[in-house]
Amino acid sequence: MKIVVSGSTGVIGSPLVEALKQRGDEVIRLVRRPQTASGGALRWDPERGTIDRAGLEGVDALIHLAGENVFGRWSPAKKQRIRDSRVQGTRVVSDALAALTNRPAVLLAASAIGYYGDQGDTRLTERSPPPAGSDFLAEVARAWEAATASAARAGVRVVNLRFGVVLTPSGGALGKMLPPFRLGLGGTVGSGNQYVSWIELGDLIRAILHLLERSDLSGPVNMTAPAPVTNRELATALGKVLHRPSVVPVPAFALKLAFGAEGAEMLQSGQRVLPERLVASGFKFRFETIEPALRHLLAPSESGR
């Protein structure tokens, strides 16, 4: 297959590109820097709303992963970047695909389980509605998914990939947790009762490849493992795998200092999300529970000590 990938240098994009190449696909990177927009790359500028439409003609699929990192202090400018990078960027991609003469069969577009808002320990599936209130990430996710509408109306099969917490030591939440945990300074965040709906990076890549081939699947798909855990259970499992204590909680005031009020609220909220549609489609997880996933990700250098 001839596949275009945005966000190709990110924590998910880099291993995904390698996995696609290993199975024989031709990968074209969607990039912003003009000096890299050659030799297997196309240029786009989501802020200006421009994209190389001619280069998209005749591709088989587009996997859209680009978006501002949610970690960091949530200033008004940061929040605007979070929203615009997702909504505006996705709209540019979708509108471009809709305008093509030879459209791809499928658009796999990143979304997030933040769509569901903080619903405590309620079990959430793709059929669960978003919150009625003004949850920032839920509002962003709704607009993010709505931005794919033009591609869907044009007949492109659109899958909204609702990513959970992607576990990899090279970045994301786990990458930020590892330094204090290795020093024996790890523990729960806030109350520790909030649910973390996670997925091991390798399983995520395999799930994306699975959805590329499932022509009967469209719409939202939860990209999470079948057994979400509380933040306390995650901290306990990580401490056990690293052979370190996990009893030093991160208090709410420290989170507010580091991330601002809304960023801290995000870290103290959670979703108990189940991958109903992924499981029903026949996808088999390698890692359904947290401790084996962490041992795989951190072995042998860490968990074997």
Protein backbone atom coordinates (compact mmCIF):
# COMPACT_ATOMS: atom_id res chain seq x y z
CA MET A 1 0.00 0.00 0.00
CA LYS A 2 1.00 3.61 -0.56
CA ILE A 3 0.42 5.32 2.80
CA VAL A 4 0.83 8.95 3.89
CA VAL A 5 1.64 9.52 7.59
CA SER A 6 1.54 12.81 9.48
CA GLY A 7 3.26 13.08 12.85
CA SER A 8 5.72 10.51 11.53
CA THR A 9 8.56 11.46 13.91
CA GLY A 10 6.49 11.21 17.10
CA VAL A 11 6.35 8.54 19.79
CA ILE A 12 3.69 6.67 17.81
CA GLY A 13 4.60 7.80 14.30
CA SER A 14 8.23 6.64 14.29
CA PRO A 15 7.59 2.97 15.15
CA LEU A 16 4.48 2.96 12.97
CA VAL A 17 6.48 4.06 9.93
CA GLU A 18 9.00 1.29 10.59
CA ALA A 19 6.22 -1.30 10.96
CA LEU A 20 4.65 -0.19 7.68
CA LYS A 21 7.97 -0.40 5.86
CA GLN A 22 8.66 -3.85 7.31
CA ARG A 23 5.43 -5.18 5.84
CA GLY A 24 6.31 -3.72 2.44
CA ASP A 25 4.28 -0.52 2.32
CA GLU A 26 5.49 2.64 0.62
CA VAL A 27 5.45 5.37 3.28
CA ILE A 28 5.20 9.06 2.44
CA ARG A 29 5.74 11.49 5.31
CA LEU A 30 3.61 14.60 5.61
CA VAL A 31 6.02 17.26 6.87
CA ARG A 32 6.12 20.98 7.59
CA ARG A 33 9.75 21.75 6.82
CA PRO A 34 10.38 22.40 3.12
CA GLN A 35 13.90 20.91 3.22
CA THR A 36 12.42 17.53 4.14
CA ALA A 37 9.55 17.70 1.63
CA SER A 38 11.27 15.56 -0.96
CA GLY A 39 12.24 11.95 -1.42
CA GLY A 40 9.21 10.27 0.12
CA ALA A 41 7.73 13.36 1.79
CA LEU A 42 4.97 15.87 1.10
CA ARG A 43 4.75 19.36 2.51
CA TRP A 44 1.88 20.86 4.45
CA ASP A 45 1.32 23.89 6.65
CA PRO A 46 -1.73 23.34 8.87
CA GLU A 47 -1.59 26.87 10.30
CA ARG A 48 -1.88 28.37 6.81
CA GLY A 49 -4.23 25.66 5.61
CA THR A 50 -1.97 24.48 2.78
CA ILE A 51 -1.10 20.95 1.70
CA ASP A 52 0.37 19.27 -1.38
CA ARG A 53 -2.89 17.94 -2.84
CA ALA A 54 -1.28 16.72 -6.05
CA GLY A 55 1.03 14.50 -4.01
CA LEU A 56 -1.97 12.94 -2.29
CA GLU A 57 -3.59 11.78 -5.53
CA GLY A 58 -3.70 8.03 -5.76
CA VAL A 59 -2.48 7.13 -2.27
CA ASP A 60 -4.19 4.14 -0.63
CA ALA A 61 -4.43 5.44 2.93
CA LEU A 62 -3.59 8.39 5.16
CA ILE A 63 -2.76 8.03 8.86
CA HIS A 64 -3.06 11.39 10.59
CA LEU A 65 -1.27 11.58 13.95
CA ALA A 66 -0.01 15.17 14.16
CA GLY A 67 -0.94 17.31 17.17
CA GLU A 68 0.48 19.49 19.94
CA ASN A 69 1.75 17.60 23.00
CA VAL A 70 -0.73 17.98 25.89
CA PHE A 71 2.00 17.81 28.53
CA GLY A 72 3.28 21.09 29.91
CA ARG A 73 1.73 24.10 31.62
CA TRP A 74 -1.64 24.96 30.10
CA SER A 75 -1.38 28.66 29.37
CA PRO A 76 -4.10 30.16 27.13
CA ALA A 77 -1.64 29.99 24.23
CA LYS A 78 -0.85 26.33 24.95
CA LYS A 79 -4.55 25.46 25.02
CA GLN A 80 -5.06 27.21 21.71
CA ARG A 81 -2.19 25.24 20.17
CA ILE A 82 -3.63 21.98 21.54
CA ARG A 83 -6.97 22.72 19.91
CA ASP A 84 -5.80 24.24 16.64
CA SER A 85 -3.14 21.61 15.93
CA ARG A 86 -5.80 18.92 16.18
CA VAL A 87 -8.92 20.50 14.76
CA GLN A 88 -7.48 22.78 12.10
CA GLY A 89 -4.84 20.27 11.03
CA THR A 90 -7.40 17.48 10.68
CA ARG A 91 -9.72 19.74 8.72
CA VAL A 92 -6.92 20.62 6.28
CA VAL A 93 -6.20 16.92 5.71
CA SER A 94 -9.87 15.93 5.39
CA ASP A 95 -10.78 18.76 3.02
CA ALA A 96 -7.78 17.91 0.85
CA LEU A 97 -8.79 14.26 0.61
CA ALA A 98 -12.37 15.21 -0.22
CA ALA A 99 -11.15 17.36 -3.13
CA LEU A 100 -9.02 14.64 -4.75
CA THR A 101 -9.92 12.87 -7.96
CA ASN A 102 -8.37 9.59 -6.75
CA ARG A 103 -9.09 9.48 -3.03
CA PRO A 104 -7.57 7.04 -0.55
CA ALA A 105 -9.79 4.24 0.69
CA VAL A 106 -9.23 5.10 4.35
CA LEU A 107 -8.27 7.91 6.72
CA LEU A 108 -7.14 6.80 10.17
CA ALA A 109 -7.31 9.98 12.23
CA ALA A 110 -6.02 10.37 15.76
CA SER A 111 -8.44 11.26 18.52
CA ALA A 112 -8.34 10.59 22.27
CA ILE A 113 -10.32 9.05 25.10
CA GLY A 114 -10.48 12.53 26.60
CA TYR A 115 -13.65 12.61 24.46
CA TYR A 116 -15.46 10.89 27.37
CA GLY A 117 -14.45 13.41 30.03
CA ASP A 118 -13.99 12.43 33.67
CA GLN A 119 -16.73 9.88 34.40
CA GLY A 120 -15.19 8.23 37.46
CA ASP A 121 -15.34 4.43 37.43
CA THR A 122 -18.09 4.21 34.80
CA ARG A 123 -17.22 1.67 32.11
CA LEU A 124 -17.04 3.51 28.80
CA THR A 125 -17.31 2.15 25.27
CA GLU A 126 -17.61 3.76 21.86
CA ARG A 127 -21.36 3.98 22.49
CA SER A 128 -20.91 6.16 25.60
CA PRO A 129 -21.77 9.86 25.14
CA PRO A 130 -19.33 12.66 25.97
CA PRO A 131 -19.95 14.84 29.04
CA ALA A 132 -22.52 17.59 28.85
CA GLY A 133 -20.30 20.16 30.60
CA SER A 134 -17.39 22.29 29.45
CA ASP A 135 -14.54 19.77 29.76
CA PHE A 136 -11.75 21.23 27.58
CA LEU A 137 -10.29 17.97 26.28
CA ALA A 138 -13.73 16.49 25.63
CA GLU A 139 -14.68 19.58 23.63
CA VAL A 140 -11.42 19.40 21.68
CA ALA A 141 -11.94 15.69 20.92
CA ARG A 142 -15.48 16.29 19.68
CA ALA A 143 -14.30 19.05 17.35
CA TRP A 144 -11.27 16.93 16.34
CA GLU A 145 -13.47 14.07 15.21
CA ALA A 146 -16.00 16.39 13.57
CA ALA A 147 -13.18 17.82 11.45
CA THR A 148 -13.01 14.52 9.52
CA ALA A 149 -16.59 14.95 8.24
CA SER A 150 -15.64 16.26 4.79
CA ALA A 151 -13.55 13.16 4.04
CA ALA A 152 -16.33 10.86 5.23
CA ARG A 153 -18.93 12.68 3.12
CA ALA A 154 -16.67 12.20 0.09
CA GLY A 155 -16.71 8.44 0.59
CA VAL A 156 -13.43 7.93 2.43
CA ARG A 157 -13.66 5.35 5.23
CA VAL A 158 -12.78 7.36 8.35
CA VAL A 159 -11.68 5.73 11.60
CA ASN A 160 -11.30 7.98 14.65
CA LEU A 161 -8.52 6.46 16.75
CA ARG A 162 -9.39 7.28 20.36
CA PHE A 163 -5.96 6.82 21.92
CA GLY A 164 -5.61 5.99 25.57
CA VAL A 165 -2.37 6.42 27.54
CA VAL A 166 0.28 4.91 25.27
CA LEU A 167 2.90 3.10 27.34
CA THR A 168 6.47 3.38 26.08
CA PRO A 169 9.65 4.27 27.99
CA SER A 170 10.67 6.60 25.17
CA GLY A 171 8.05 9.24 25.91
CA GLY A 172 4.54 10.10 27.00
CA ALA A 173 3.26 9.43 30.50
CA LEU A 174 5.51 6.45 31.23
CA GLY A 175 8.58 8.30 30.02
CA LYS A 176 7.83 11.10 32.50
CA MET A 177 7.13 8.66 35.33
CA LEU A 178 10.34 6.67 35.04
CA PRO A 179 12.93 9.16 36.42
CA PRO A 180 11.27 9.66 39.85
CA PHE A 181 10.29 6.00 40.11
CA ARG A 182 13.85 4.89 39.40
CA LEU A 183 14.97 7.10 42.28
CA GLY A 184 12.39 5.56 44.61
CA LEU A 185 10.39 8.81 44.58
CA GLY A 186 7.40 7.58 42.60
CA GLY A 187 3.82 7.27 43.73
CA THR A 188 0.25 8.18 42.98
CA VAL A 189 -0.91 11.38 41.32
CA GLY A 190 -3.56 13.17 43.37
CA SER A 191 -5.99 10.71 44.95
CA GLY A 192 -4.72 7.79 42.89
CA ASN A 193 -8.31 6.64 42.33
CA GLN A 194 -8.62 8.00 38.80
CA TYR A 195 -8.61 5.39 36.05
CA VAL A 196 -5.82 5.12 33.50
CA SER A 197 -6.89 3.50 30.23
CA TRP A 198 -3.59 2.41 28.75
CA ILE A 199 -2.20 0.47 25.81
CA GLU A 200 1.28 -0.90 25.20
CA LEU A 201 2.95 0.77 22.21
CA GLY A 202 3.48 -2.45 20.25
CA ASP A 203 -0.17 -3.42 20.65
CA LEU A 204 -1.17 0.07 19.50
CA ILE A 205 0.90 -0.24 16.32
CA ARG A 206 -0.56 -3.68 15.63
CA ALA A 207 -4.07 -2.32 16.19
CA ILE A 208 -3.49 0.51 13.70
CA LEU A 209 -2.31 -2.00 11.08
CA HIS A 210 -5.37 -4.14 11.87
CA LEU A 211 -7.71 -1.20 11.27
CA LEU A 212 -6.03 -0.39 7.97
CA GLU A 213 -7.21 -3.75 6.68
CA ARG A 214 -10.70 -3.87 8.21
CA SER A 215 -12.74 -2.23 5.48
CA ASP A 216 -15.94 -2.82 7.47
CA LEU A 217 -14.89 -0.59 10.36
CA SER A 218 -15.39 3.16 10.50
CA GLY A 219 -16.12 5.78 13.14
CA PRO A 220 -14.67 5.83 16.67
CA VAL A 221 -12.50 2.97 17.93
CA ASN A 222 -11.09 2.95 21.47
CA MET A 223 -7.36 2.24 21.32
CA THR A 224 -6.94 0.93 24.86
CA ALA A 225 -6.16 -2.41 26.53
CA PRO A 226 -9.08 -4.41 27.96
CA ALA A 227 -8.04 -3.91 31.60
CA PRO A 228 -7.77 -0.23 32.63
CA VAL A 229 -6.23 0.39 36.05
CA THR A 230 -6.38 3.11 38.66
CA ASN A 231 -3.45 5.46 38.97
CA ARG A 232 -2.61 3.76 42.26
CA GLU A 233 -2.56 0.34 40.61
CA LEU A 234 -0.32 1.68 37.85
CA ALA A 235 2.10 3.18 40.40
CA THR A 236 2.18 -0.07 42.39
CA ALA A 237 2.84 -2.17 39.28
CA LEU A 238 5.59 0.16 38.05
CA GLY A 239 7.27 0.16 41.47
CA LYS A 240 7.13 -3.64 41.55
CA VAL A 241 8.65 -4.00 38.09
CA LEU A 242 11.43 -1.51 38.92
CA HIS A 243 11.97 -2.98 42.40
CA ARG A 244 11.45 0.45 43.90
CA PRO A 245 8.97 1.82 46.44
CA SER A 246 5.95 3.66 45.07
CA VAL A 247 4.71 5.49 48.14
CA VAL A 248 5.52 9.14 47.45
CA PRO A 249 2.32 10.82 46.25
CA VAL A 250 2.35 13.88 44.02
CA PRO A 251 0.14 16.42 45.84
CA ALA A 252 -2.43 18.52 44.03
CA PHE A 253 -0.62 21.82 44.72
CA ALA A 254 2.55 20.51 43.04
CA LEU A 255 0.57 19.55 39.97
CA LYS A 256 -0.96 23.01 39.80
CA LEU A 257 2.48 24.62 40.03
CA ALA A 258 3.81 22.45 37.23
CA PHE A 259 0.81 22.27 34.90
CA GLY A 260 -1.56 25.05 35.90
CA ALA A 261 -5.05 24.47 37.26
CA GLU A 262 -6.54 22.87 34.13
CA GLY A 263 -3.49 20.75 33.37
CA ALA A 264 -3.50 19.48 36.94
CA GLU A 265 -7.20 18.70 36.64
CA MET A 266 -6.47 16.60 33.54
CA LEU A 267 -3.87 14.53 35.40
CA GLN A 268 -6.23 13.95 38.31
CA SER A 269 -9.17 12.92 36.12
CA GLY A 270 -9.51 9.70 34.22
CA GLN A 271 -11.60 7.44 32.07
CA ARG A 272 -12.35 3.71 32.41
CA VAL A 273 -12.44 2.94 28.71
CA LEU A 274 -12.96 -0.48 27.12
CA PRO A 275 -11.95 -1.41 23.53
CA GLU A 276 -15.32 -2.88 22.62
CA ARG A 277 -15.13 -2.45 18.84
CA LEU A 278 -11.48 -3.47 18.57
CA VAL A 279 -12.11 -6.73 20.44
CA ALA A 280 -15.31 -7.42 18.46
CA SER A 281 -13.32 -7.01 15.22
CA GLY A 282 -11.07 -9.92 16.19
CA PHE A 283 -8.00 -8.02 17.33
CA LYS A 284 -5.87 -9.96 19.83
CA PHE A 285 -3.84 -8.03 22.41
CA ARG A 286 -0.42 -9.26 23.41
CA PHE A 287 -0.73 -7.39 26.70
CA GLU A 288 -4.15 -7.19 28.34
CA THR A 289 -2.94 -6.46 31.89
CA ILE A 290 -0.57 -3.84 33.19
CA GLU A 291 2.26 -5.70 34.91
CA PRO A 292 3.22 -7.96 31.97
CA ALA A 293 3.12 -4.92 29.69
CA LEU A 294 5.49 -2.98 31.94
CA ARG A 295 7.83 -5.96 32.29
CA HIS A 296 7.98 -6.28 28.52
CA LEU A 297 8.64 -2.56 28.02
CA LEU A 298 11.30 -2.29 30.72
CA ALA A 299 13.00 -5.69 30.49
CA PRO A 300 15.71 -6.77 30.70
CA SER A 301 17.53 -3.65 31.84
CA GLU A 302 14.98 -2.70 34.50
CA SER A 303 12.63 -5.49 35.50
CA GLY A 304 15.35 -8.11 35.60
CA ARG A 305 17.29 -6.39 38.38
